[in-house]
Amino acid sequence: MHDIGNVVSRHDHGQTGAILAMRILKEMGMDYNEIAYIASAIGNHEEEYGHPVNDIAAALIIADKTDVHRGRVRNKEFATFDIHDRVNYAAEKSEVEIIKDERIIRLNLKINIEICPVMEYFEIFLARMMMCRKAAAFLNTNFQLVINDARLL
């Protein structure tokens, strides 16, 4: 539901999605306090302006910003891949690991560097990973990033 605003526009889809979600959840009979909690999470999940304003927002940020994998690539013509296609296609493994006793949320990635260099991952994901660090801190945990068995965060 967090990306429902994309039906209107990719630009500011978080805010649009929050408004759409409020109406849908109201029609479903959800409690107004819960609606506000969810809407604020949806409205704060984008890296341009988002913040982990509550625990749902923090969890949403981590789930959304760590979503990188080959299955996201719709374009089947490798020769026409843009950077997003290359990075997602190169992500052969993507796993979010929760280490409760150490209070760690870790993103483990295996990126095929013959498809794209790790630097291309950071070109599009650096702001997202920084947002994950803030969201993990909100949840009183630490965020770690491991790519090809090398811990980077």
N, C-alpha and C. Protein backbone atom coordinates (compact mmCIF):
# COMPACT_ATOMS: atom_id res chain seq x y z
N MET A 1 0.82 -1.20 0.00
CA MET A 1 0.00 0.00 0.00
C MET A 1 0.86 1.26 0.00
N HIS A 2 2.12 1.16 0.46
CA HIS A 2 2.94 2.37 0.59
C HIS A 2 3.23 3.05 -0.75
N ASP A 3 3.17 2.31 -1.85
CA ASP A 3 3.44 2.91 -3.16
C ASP A 3 2.17 3.17 -3.97
N ILE A 4 1.02 3.15 -3.34
CA ILE A 4 -0.24 3.35 -4.05
C ILE A 4 -0.29 4.73 -4.74
N GLY A 5 0.45 5.69 -4.22
CA GLY A 5 0.48 7.02 -4.83
C GLY A 5 1.08 7.04 -6.22
N ASN A 6 1.80 5.99 -6.59
CA ASN A 6 2.37 5.91 -7.94
C ASN A 6 1.31 5.86 -9.02
N VAL A 7 0.07 5.52 -8.68
CA VAL A 7 -1.00 5.52 -9.69
C VAL A 7 -1.27 6.94 -10.17
N VAL A 8 -0.93 7.93 -9.35
CA VAL A 8 -1.12 9.33 -9.72
C VAL A 8 0.15 9.87 -10.36
N SER A 9 1.27 9.70 -9.64
CA SER A 9 2.55 10.21 -10.14
C SER A 9 3.67 9.65 -9.28
N ARG A 10 4.82 9.43 -9.88
CA ARG A 10 6.01 9.00 -9.12
C ARG A 10 6.47 10.13 -8.21
N HIS A 11 6.32 11.37 -8.71
CA HIS A 11 6.72 12.55 -7.93
C HIS A 11 5.78 12.72 -6.73
N ASP A 12 6.36 12.81 -5.55
CA ASP A 12 5.59 12.97 -4.30
C ASP A 12 4.59 11.84 -4.07
N HIS A 13 4.89 10.65 -4.52
CA HIS A 13 3.93 9.55 -4.38
C HIS A 13 3.71 9.16 -2.92
N GLY A 14 4.65 9.49 -2.04
CA GLY A 14 4.45 9.20 -0.62
C GLY A 14 3.28 9.98 -0.04
N GLN A 15 3.25 11.28 -0.33
CA GLN A 15 2.15 12.11 0.18
C GLN A 15 0.83 11.73 -0.47
N THR A 16 0.85 11.53 -1.76
CA THR A 16 -0.37 11.13 -2.47
C THR A 16 -0.86 9.79 -1.93
N GLY A 17 0.06 8.87 -1.74
CA GLY A 17 -0.28 7.55 -1.21
C GLY A 17 -0.87 7.62 0.19
N ALA A 18 -0.32 8.50 1.02
CA ALA A 18 -0.85 8.66 2.39
C ALA A 18 -2.31 9.11 2.35
N ILE A 19 -2.61 10.05 1.48
CA ILE A 19 -3.98 10.55 1.37
C ILE A 19 -4.92 9.46 0.84
N LEU A 20 -4.48 8.74 -0.19
CA LEU A 20 -5.29 7.65 -0.72
C LEU A 20 -5.50 6.56 0.34
N ALA A 21 -4.45 6.22 1.06
CA ALA A 21 -4.54 5.19 2.09
C ALA A 21 -5.50 5.60 3.20
N MET A 22 -5.47 6.87 3.57
CA MET A 22 -6.38 7.34 4.62
C MET A 22 -7.84 7.08 4.23
N ARG A 23 -8.16 7.40 3.02
CA ARG A 23 -9.55 7.19 2.55
C ARG A 23 -9.91 5.71 2.52
N ILE A 24 -9.02 4.90 1.97
CA ILE A 24 -9.27 3.45 1.88
C ILE A 24 -9.43 2.84 3.27
N LEU A 25 -8.51 3.19 4.17
CA LEU A 25 -8.56 2.61 5.52
C LEU A 25 -9.79 3.09 6.29
N LYS A 26 -10.20 4.34 6.06
CA LYS A 26 -11.42 4.85 6.69
C LYS A 26 -12.63 4.07 6.21
N GLU A 27 -12.71 3.84 4.90
CA GLU A 27 -13.83 3.08 4.33
C GLU A 27 -13.85 1.64 4.83
N MET A 28 -12.68 1.12 5.20
CA MET A 28 -12.59 -0.24 5.74
C MET A 28 -12.95 -0.28 7.23
N GLY A 29 -13.15 0.89 7.84
CA GLY A 29 -13.55 0.96 9.24
C GLY A 29 -12.41 0.98 10.24
N MET A 30 -11.21 1.28 9.81
CA MET A 30 -10.08 1.31 10.72
C MET A 30 -10.18 2.50 11.67
N ASP A 31 -9.65 2.34 12.86
CA ASP A 31 -9.60 3.38 13.88
C ASP A 31 -8.80 4.58 13.35
N TYR A 32 -9.27 5.80 13.64
CA TYR A 32 -8.62 7.01 13.12
C TYR A 32 -7.18 7.16 13.60
N ASN A 33 -6.89 6.78 14.83
CA ASN A 33 -5.51 6.86 15.33
C ASN A 33 -4.60 5.92 14.54
N GLU A 34 -5.09 4.73 14.23
CA GLU A 34 -4.29 3.78 13.45
C GLU A 34 -4.10 4.28 12.02
N ILE A 35 -5.14 4.89 11.46
CA ILE A 35 -5.05 5.46 10.12
C ILE A 35 -3.96 6.53 10.09
N ALA A 36 -3.95 7.40 11.08
CA ALA A 36 -2.96 8.48 11.13
C ALA A 36 -1.54 7.90 11.24
N TYR A 37 -1.38 6.87 12.02
CA TYR A 37 -0.08 6.22 12.21
C TYR A 37 0.43 5.64 10.88
N ILE A 38 -0.44 4.95 10.15
CA ILE A 38 -0.08 4.34 8.87
C ILE A 38 0.15 5.41 7.81
N ALA A 39 -0.73 6.41 7.75
CA ALA A 39 -0.59 7.47 6.76
C ALA A 39 0.72 8.24 6.95
N SER A 40 1.09 8.49 8.20
CA SER A 40 2.35 9.20 8.43
C SER A 40 3.54 8.36 8.01
N ALA A 41 3.45 7.05 8.16
CA ALA A 41 4.52 6.16 7.70
C ALA A 41 4.63 6.20 6.18
N ILE A 42 3.50 6.10 5.49
CA ILE A 42 3.49 6.14 4.02
C ILE A 42 4.02 7.48 3.53
N GLY A 43 3.60 8.55 4.16
CA GLY A 43 4.02 9.89 3.75
C GLY A 43 5.47 10.20 4.04
N ASN A 44 6.13 9.35 4.80
CA ASN A 44 7.53 9.59 5.18
C ASN A 44 8.49 8.50 4.70
N HIS A 45 8.12 7.76 3.67
CA HIS A 45 9.00 6.66 3.26
C HIS A 45 9.95 6.99 2.12
N GLU A 46 9.88 8.17 1.56
CA GLU A 46 10.77 8.51 0.45
C GLU A 46 12.00 9.27 0.92
N GLU A 47 13.14 8.98 0.29
CA GLU A 47 14.41 9.55 0.76
C GLU A 47 14.53 11.05 0.56
N GLU A 48 13.74 11.64 -0.33
CA GLU A 48 13.83 13.09 -0.55
C GLU A 48 13.39 13.89 0.67
N TYR A 49 12.47 13.36 1.46
CA TYR A 49 11.92 14.14 2.57
C TYR A 49 11.47 13.27 3.74
N GLY A 50 11.62 11.98 3.66
CA GLY A 50 11.09 11.09 4.67
C GLY A 50 11.94 10.97 5.92
N HIS A 51 11.26 10.60 6.99
CA HIS A 51 11.90 10.39 8.30
C HIS A 51 11.18 9.24 9.00
N PRO A 52 11.90 8.50 9.82
CA PRO A 52 11.24 7.44 10.60
C PRO A 52 10.46 8.07 11.77
N VAL A 53 9.26 8.51 11.49
CA VAL A 53 8.46 9.24 12.48
C VAL A 53 7.77 8.34 13.50
N ASN A 54 7.68 7.05 13.20
CA ASN A 54 7.12 6.08 14.13
C ASN A 54 7.68 4.71 13.78
N ASP A 55 7.35 3.70 14.56
CA ASP A 55 7.94 2.39 14.31
C ASP A 55 7.48 1.77 12.99
N ILE A 56 6.25 2.05 12.58
CA ILE A 56 5.78 1.55 11.28
C ILE A 56 6.58 2.21 10.15
N ALA A 57 6.81 3.52 10.26
CA ALA A 57 7.60 4.23 9.25
C ALA A 57 9.02 3.67 9.19
N ALA A 58 9.62 3.41 10.34
CA ALA A 58 10.98 2.86 10.37
C ALA A 58 11.03 1.50 9.69
N ALA A 59 10.07 0.64 10.00
CA ALA A 59 10.03 -0.68 9.38
C ALA A 59 9.78 -0.57 7.88
N LEU A 60 8.89 0.32 7.48
CA LEU A 60 8.60 0.52 6.06
C LEU A 60 9.83 1.03 5.31
N ILE A 61 10.52 1.97 5.88
CA ILE A 61 11.73 2.51 5.25
C ILE A 61 12.74 1.39 5.01
N ILE A 62 12.99 0.59 6.03
CA ILE A 62 13.96 -0.50 5.89
C ILE A 62 13.51 -1.49 4.83
N ALA A 63 12.25 -1.89 4.87
CA ALA A 63 11.75 -2.86 3.89
C ALA A 63 11.81 -2.29 2.47
N ASP A 64 11.40 -1.05 2.29
CA ASP A 64 11.35 -0.45 0.97
C ASP A 64 12.74 -0.17 0.41
N LYS A 65 13.61 0.37 1.22
CA LYS A 65 14.92 0.80 0.73
C LYS A 65 15.92 -0.34 0.57
N THR A 66 15.63 -1.49 1.14
CA THR A 66 16.51 -2.65 0.96
C THR A 66 16.03 -3.56 -0.16
N ASP A 67 14.97 -3.17 -0.84
CA ASP A 67 14.37 -4.01 -1.88
C ASP A 67 15.16 -3.90 -3.18
N VAL A 68 16.12 -4.77 -3.35
CA VAL A 68 16.93 -4.82 -4.56
C VAL A 68 17.08 -6.29 -4.92
N HIS A 69 16.66 -6.65 -6.13
CA HIS A 69 16.78 -8.04 -6.58
C HIS A 69 16.43 -8.14 -8.05
N ARG A 70 16.87 -9.20 -8.65
CA ARG A 70 16.71 -9.45 -10.08
C ARG A 70 15.24 -9.43 -10.51
N GLY A 71 14.34 -9.90 -9.65
CA GLY A 71 12.93 -9.96 -9.99
C GLY A 71 12.28 -8.61 -10.24
N ARG A 72 12.91 -7.52 -9.83
CA ARG A 72 12.37 -6.18 -10.05
C ARG A 72 12.55 -5.71 -11.50
N VAL A 73 13.41 -6.38 -12.24
CA VAL A 73 13.73 -5.94 -13.61
C VAL A 73 12.65 -6.43 -14.56
N ARG A 74 11.95 -5.50 -15.17
CA ARG A 74 10.90 -5.85 -16.14
C ARG A 74 11.43 -5.85 -17.56
N ASN A 75 12.43 -5.02 -17.79
CA ASN A 75 13.04 -4.91 -19.11
C ASN A 75 13.82 -6.20 -19.38
N LYS A 76 13.54 -6.85 -20.47
CA LYS A 76 14.20 -8.13 -20.79
C LYS A 76 15.38 -7.95 -21.75
N GLU A 77 15.60 -6.75 -22.26
CA GLU A 77 16.68 -6.47 -23.20
C GLU A 77 17.90 -5.92 -22.46
N PHE A 78 18.85 -6.79 -22.14
CA PHE A 78 20.03 -6.39 -21.38
C PHE A 78 20.73 -5.18 -22.00
N ALA A 79 20.79 -5.12 -23.31
CA ALA A 79 21.48 -4.04 -24.01
C ALA A 79 20.87 -2.67 -23.71
N THR A 80 19.61 -2.64 -23.29
CA THR A 80 18.94 -1.36 -23.03
C THR A 80 18.78 -1.09 -21.54
N PHE A 81 19.40 -1.87 -20.68
CA PHE A 81 19.30 -1.67 -19.23
C PHE A 81 19.81 -0.29 -18.84
N ASP A 82 19.09 0.37 -17.96
CA ASP A 82 19.62 1.58 -17.33
C ASP A 82 20.29 1.16 -16.03
N ILE A 83 20.78 2.11 -15.26
CA ILE A 83 21.52 1.79 -14.04
C ILE A 83 20.65 1.01 -13.04
N HIS A 84 19.37 1.35 -12.94
CA HIS A 84 18.48 0.65 -12.01
C HIS A 84 18.31 -0.81 -12.43
N ASP A 85 18.12 -1.03 -13.73
CA ASP A 85 18.00 -2.40 -14.23
C ASP A 85 19.28 -3.19 -13.96
N ARG A 86 20.44 -2.58 -14.24
CA ARG A 86 21.72 -3.28 -14.05
C ARG A 86 21.92 -3.66 -12.59
N VAL A 87 21.70 -2.71 -11.69
CA VAL A 87 21.93 -2.98 -10.27
C VAL A 87 20.97 -4.07 -9.78
N ASN A 88 19.72 -3.96 -10.10
CA ASN A 88 18.77 -4.97 -9.66
C ASN A 88 19.06 -6.33 -10.28
N TYR A 89 19.39 -6.34 -11.56
CA TYR A 89 19.69 -7.61 -12.23
C TYR A 89 20.95 -8.25 -11.65
N ALA A 90 21.92 -7.44 -11.26
CA ALA A 90 23.18 -7.95 -10.70
C ALA A 90 23.01 -8.48 -9.28
N ALA A 91 21.94 -8.09 -8.60
CA ALA A 91 21.71 -8.53 -7.22
C ALA A 91 21.22 -9.98 -7.21
N GLU A 92 22.17 -10.89 -7.10
CA GLU A 92 21.86 -12.31 -7.13
C GLU A 92 21.32 -12.82 -5.80
N LYS A 93 21.63 -12.11 -4.72
CA LYS A 93 21.12 -12.45 -3.40
C LYS A 93 20.83 -11.15 -2.67
N SER A 94 19.69 -11.10 -2.02
CA SER A 94 19.30 -9.93 -1.23
C SER A 94 18.52 -10.45 -0.03
N GLU A 95 19.07 -10.25 1.15
CA GLU A 95 18.46 -10.81 2.35
C GLU A 95 18.59 -9.82 3.51
N VAL A 96 17.48 -9.54 4.14
CA VAL A 96 17.50 -8.73 5.36
C VAL A 96 17.52 -9.70 6.54
N GLU A 97 18.54 -9.54 7.34
CA GLU A 97 18.74 -10.43 8.49
C GLU A 97 18.56 -9.64 9.78
N ILE A 98 17.79 -10.18 10.70
CA ILE A 98 17.60 -9.56 12.01
C ILE A 98 18.38 -10.38 13.02
N ILE A 99 19.30 -9.74 13.70
CA ILE A 99 20.09 -10.40 14.74
C ILE A 99 19.64 -9.80 16.07
N LYS A 100 18.62 -10.43 16.66
CA LYS A 100 17.95 -9.86 17.84
C LYS A 100 18.89 -9.58 19.00
N ASP A 101 19.67 -10.58 19.40
CA ASP A 101 20.49 -10.42 20.60
C ASP A 101 21.56 -9.34 20.46
N GLU A 102 21.94 -9.00 19.23
CA GLU A 102 22.92 -7.93 18.99
C GLU A 102 22.27 -6.62 18.55
N ARG A 103 20.94 -6.65 18.39
CA ARG A 103 20.18 -5.48 17.95
C ARG A 103 20.72 -4.94 16.62
N ILE A 104 20.81 -5.85 15.64
CA ILE A 104 21.34 -5.52 14.32
C ILE A 104 20.32 -5.88 13.25
N ILE A 105 20.16 -4.98 12.30
CA ILE A 105 19.42 -5.26 11.06
C ILE A 105 20.47 -5.20 9.96
N ARG A 106 20.66 -6.31 9.27
CA ARG A 106 21.74 -6.41 8.29
C ARG A 106 21.17 -6.75 6.91
N LEU A 107 21.59 -5.98 5.92
CA LEU A 107 21.27 -6.29 4.53
C LEU A 107 22.47 -7.01 3.93
N ASN A 108 22.26 -8.26 3.54
CA ASN A 108 23.30 -9.07 2.89
C ASN A 108 23.01 -9.12 1.40
N LEU A 109 23.96 -8.65 0.61
CA LEU A 109 23.81 -8.66 -0.84
C LEU A 109 24.93 -9.42 -1.50
N LYS A 110 24.59 -10.07 -2.58
CA LYS A 110 25.58 -10.67 -3.48
C LYS A 110 25.35 -10.00 -4.82
N ILE A 111 26.31 -9.17 -5.22
CA ILE A 111 26.20 -8.44 -6.47
C ILE A 111 27.21 -9.01 -7.46
N ASN A 112 26.71 -9.40 -8.62
CA ASN A 112 27.56 -9.93 -9.67
C ASN A 112 28.28 -8.75 -10.33
N ILE A 113 29.57 -8.61 -10.04
CA ILE A 113 30.33 -7.45 -10.53
C ILE A 113 30.66 -7.55 -12.01
N GLU A 114 30.34 -8.68 -12.63
CA GLU A 114 30.49 -8.77 -14.08
C GLU A 114 29.30 -8.11 -14.78
N ILE A 115 28.21 -7.92 -14.05
CA ILE A 115 27.04 -7.24 -14.60
C ILE A 115 27.10 -5.75 -14.30
N CYS A 116 27.47 -5.41 -13.07
CA CYS A 116 27.65 -4.00 -12.72
C CYS A 116 28.60 -3.89 -11.54
N PRO A 117 29.40 -2.83 -11.49
CA PRO A 117 30.29 -2.64 -10.35
C PRO A 117 29.49 -2.25 -9.11
N VAL A 118 30.02 -2.56 -7.95
CA VAL A 118 29.36 -2.22 -6.69
C VAL A 118 29.13 -0.71 -6.59
N MET A 119 30.01 0.08 -7.19
CA MET A 119 29.87 1.54 -7.16
C MET A 119 28.53 1.98 -7.74
N GLU A 120 28.04 1.29 -8.76
CA GLU A 120 26.74 1.65 -9.34
C GLU A 120 25.62 1.42 -8.32
N TYR A 121 25.77 0.41 -7.48
CA TYR A 121 24.79 0.21 -6.40
C TYR A 121 24.73 1.46 -5.54
N PHE A 122 25.90 1.97 -5.17
CA PHE A 122 25.93 3.15 -4.30
C PHE A 122 25.45 4.41 -4.99
N GLU A 123 25.59 4.49 -6.30
CA GLU A 123 25.09 5.66 -7.02
C GLU A 123 23.59 5.84 -6.81
N ILE A 124 22.85 4.73 -6.71
CA ILE A 124 21.40 4.87 -6.55
C ILE A 124 20.91 4.49 -5.15
N PHE A 125 21.74 3.83 -4.35
CA PHE A 125 21.27 3.35 -3.06
C PHE A 125 21.92 4.02 -1.85
N LEU A 126 22.88 4.90 -2.03
CA LEU A 126 23.55 5.50 -0.88
C LEU A 126 22.57 6.25 0.03
N ALA A 127 21.75 7.11 -0.55
CA ALA A 127 20.78 7.86 0.26
C ALA A 127 19.79 6.91 0.94
N ARG A 128 19.44 5.84 0.25
CA ARG A 128 18.52 4.85 0.81
C ARG A 128 19.15 4.13 1.99
N MET A 129 20.44 3.80 1.88
CA MET A 129 21.12 3.11 2.97
C MET A 129 21.28 4.03 4.19
N MET A 130 21.51 5.30 3.94
CA MET A 130 21.60 6.26 5.04
C MET A 130 20.24 6.39 5.74
N MET A 131 19.19 6.34 4.95
CA MET A 131 17.85 6.39 5.52
C MET A 131 17.59 5.13 6.36
N CYS A 132 18.08 3.99 5.89
CA CYS A 132 17.94 2.74 6.68
C CYS A 132 18.68 2.85 8.01
N ARG A 133 19.84 3.48 8.01
CA ARG A 133 20.58 3.67 9.27
C ARG A 133 19.76 4.49 10.25
N LYS A 134 19.12 5.55 9.77
CA LYS A 134 18.29 6.39 10.64
C LYS A 134 17.07 5.61 11.14
N ALA A 135 16.47 4.83 10.26
CA ALA A 135 15.30 4.04 10.65
C ALA A 135 15.68 2.98 11.68
N ALA A 136 16.81 2.33 11.48
CA ALA A 136 17.28 1.33 12.45
C ALA A 136 17.56 1.99 13.79
N ALA A 137 18.18 3.15 13.77
CA ALA A 137 18.45 3.88 15.02
C ALA A 137 17.15 4.21 15.74
N PHE A 138 16.12 4.60 14.99
CA PHE A 138 14.81 4.88 15.59
C PHE A 138 14.29 3.65 16.33
N LEU A 139 14.58 2.48 15.79
CA LEU A 139 14.15 1.21 16.41
C LEU A 139 15.16 0.70 17.44
N ASN A 140 16.12 1.56 17.79
CA ASN A 140 17.16 1.23 18.77
C ASN A 140 17.98 0.02 18.33
N THR A 141 18.30 -0.02 17.03
CA THR A 141 19.14 -1.08 16.47
C THR A 141 20.19 -0.43 15.59
N ASN A 142 21.10 -1.23 15.09
CA ASN A 142 22.12 -0.77 14.16
C ASN A 142 21.86 -1.41 12.80
N PHE A 143 22.08 -0.63 11.76
CA PHE A 143 21.93 -1.13 10.40
C PHE A 143 23.31 -1.46 9.85
N GLN A 144 23.42 -2.62 9.23
CA GLN A 144 24.66 -3.02 8.59
C GLN A 144 24.38 -3.38 7.14
N LEU A 145 25.37 -3.10 6.30
CA LEU A 145 25.30 -3.46 4.89
C LEU A 145 26.50 -4.33 4.56
N VAL A 146 26.24 -5.51 4.05
CA VAL A 146 27.30 -6.43 3.64
C VAL A 146 27.10 -6.75 2.16
N ILE A 147 28.09 -6.43 1.35
CA ILE A 147 28.02 -6.71 -0.08
C ILE A 147 29.20 -7.62 -0.43
N ASN A 148 28.88 -8.75 -1.05
CA ASN A 148 29.89 -9.73 -1.46
C ASN A 148 30.83 -10.06 -0.29
N ASP A 149 30.22 -10.29 0.87
CA ASP A 149 30.92 -10.69 2.10
C ASP A 149 31.81 -9.59 2.70
N ALA A 150 31.71 -8.37 2.22
CA ALA A 150 32.46 -7.25 2.80
C ALA A 150 31.48 -6.33 3.52
N ARG A 151 31.72 -6.10 4.80
CA ARG A 151 30.85 -5.20 5.56
C ARG A 151 31.22 -3.76 5.23
N LEU A 152 30.21 -3.02 4.74
CA LEU A 152 30.43 -1.63 4.31
C LEU A 152 29.83 -0.62 5.27
N LEU A 153 28.81 -1.01 6.00
CA LEU A 153 28.19 -0.16 7.04
C LEU A 153 28.05 -1.00 8.29
